[in-house]
Structures are given as structure tokens and as C-alpha cells.
């Protein structure tokens, strides 16, 4: 599964999520569906698509790098644990 997240008025388009069932990983499915999402964005005239990634998910990092995604300088991700 992969889909595009469009802002309601204006702003960046993001890949909302890309995933493959664990039983079917390693077959190129995630790459294929992410490519399909990017093809849909291109058909709609979207100039850029952003994505984010769990830093420990090496397979998805590899896919994103191979598809041409690059780091965004100055981007800081923050996390707050609320169930203390």
C-alpha cells in the first residue's frame, strides 16, 4: 500500500505511507506501489513529493534513496512520550 497525502488548500504533497505485508516483503512490491504513487503525482502535475522514514527501516531507506529522495537540510523531527 502507498498513497499520497494532499494538503486541503496548499502546501507539500507527501507519500502518506508505504508498506507491504511481512509475508510478501523482499519482492519489490513496496517499490512498485511507491512508483505508482509517484506516477499518479506526475499525472496530476505535482512537481515534488515529500516522504519521511523511520531511521531504522533500512529496506525503506534504500528504496527511497534509489527513487531519488534526498535529505531535507534543517528538518528536525521531535517526539514526546506522553504515557509516563
Protein backbone atom coordinates (compact mmCIF):
# COMPACT_ATOMS: atom_id res chain seq x y z
CA UNK A 1 0.00 0.00 0.00
CA UNK A 2 1.12 3.52 -0.72
CA UNK A 3 -0.85 6.72 -1.03
CA UNK A 4 -0.39 10.45 -1.48
CA UNK A 5 -1.41 12.99 1.15
CA UNK A 6 -2.60 16.25 -0.32
CA UNK A 7 -2.99 19.37 1.84
CA UNK A 8 -6.55 20.74 1.94
CA UNK A 9 -5.60 24.12 0.45
CA UNK A 10 -1.90 24.44 -0.39
CA UNK A 11 1.40 23.00 0.63
CA UNK A 12 3.55 19.97 0.05
CA UNK A 13 2.29 16.61 -1.19
CA UNK A 14 3.62 13.67 0.83
CA UNK A 15 3.70 9.93 0.47
CA UNK A 16 1.38 9.11 3.36
CA UNK A 17 2.60 5.58 3.94
CA UNK A 18 4.22 2.74 2.07
CA UNK A 19 4.01 -0.77 3.39
CA UNK A 20 3.98 -4.44 2.44
CA UNK A 21 2.68 -7.36 4.48
CA UNK A 22 5.62 -9.10 6.18
CA UNK A 23 4.89 -12.36 4.32
CA UNK A 24 5.44 -10.62 0.98
CA UNK A 25 8.46 -8.41 1.66
CA UNK A 26 11.61 -8.59 -0.40
CA UNK A 27 9.77 -8.99 -3.73
CA UNK A 28 9.82 -5.36 -4.90
CA UNK A 29 6.18 -4.71 -4.01
CA UNK A 30 6.82 -1.63 -1.85
CA UNK A 31 8.99 -0.12 -4.57
CA UNK A 32 6.36 -0.83 -7.21
CA UNK A 33 3.48 0.73 -5.28
CA UNK A 34 5.57 3.75 -4.33
CA UNK A 35 6.47 4.19 -8.01
CA UNK A 36 2.75 4.02 -8.85
CA UNK A 37 2.05 6.78 -6.32
CA UNK A 38 4.77 8.91 -7.89
CA UNK A 39 3.34 8.24 -11.36
CA UNK A 40 -0.07 9.42 -10.15
CA UNK A 41 1.52 12.58 -8.72
CA UNK A 42 3.24 13.24 -12.06
CA UNK A 43 -0.04 12.79 -13.94
CA UNK A 44 -1.62 15.37 -11.63
CA UNK A 45 1.20 17.85 -12.25
CA UNK A 46 2.65 17.64 -8.74
CA UNK A 47 6.25 18.95 -9.00
CA UNK A 48 7.62 17.41 -5.78
CA UNK A 49 6.58 14.64 -3.41
CA UNK A 50 7.97 14.51 0.10
CA UNK A 51 8.36 11.43 2.27
CA UNK A 52 9.68 10.57 5.69
CA UNK A 53 11.22 7.41 7.01
CA UNK A 54 11.92 5.56 10.21
CA UNK A 55 15.70 5.85 10.52
CA UNK A 56 15.93 2.16 11.49
CA UNK A 57 13.98 0.86 8.47
CA UNK A 58 16.94 0.14 6.19
CA UNK A 59 14.93 -1.50 3.37
CA UNK A 60 12.61 1.51 3.00
CA UNK A 61 15.51 3.94 3.31
CA UNK A 62 17.16 2.07 0.44
CA UNK A 63 14.00 2.23 -1.68
CA UNK A 64 13.61 5.97 -1.05
CA UNK A 65 17.26 6.64 -1.88
CA UNK A 66 17.03 4.60 -5.11
CA UNK A 67 13.88 6.53 -6.11
CA UNK A 68 15.78 9.81 -5.76
CA UNK A 69 14.56 11.06 -2.41
CA UNK A 70 17.19 13.06 -0.57
CA UNK A 71 17.57 14.52 2.91
CA UNK A 72 16.00 17.87 3.69
CA UNK A 73 18.55 20.09 5.42
CA UNK A 74 17.32 21.66 8.61
CA UNK A 75 14.43 19.25 9.13
CA UNK A 76 14.11 18.31 12.79
CA UNK A 77 11.78 15.56 13.99
CA UNK A 78 10.55 15.68 17.56
CA UNK A 79 8.90 13.03 19.71
CA UNK A 80 7.19 13.41 23.07
CA UNK A 81 6.35 10.37 25.17
CA UNK A 82 3.01 11.02 26.86
CA UNK A 83 2.41 7.76 28.72
CA UNK A 84 4.93 8.39 31.52
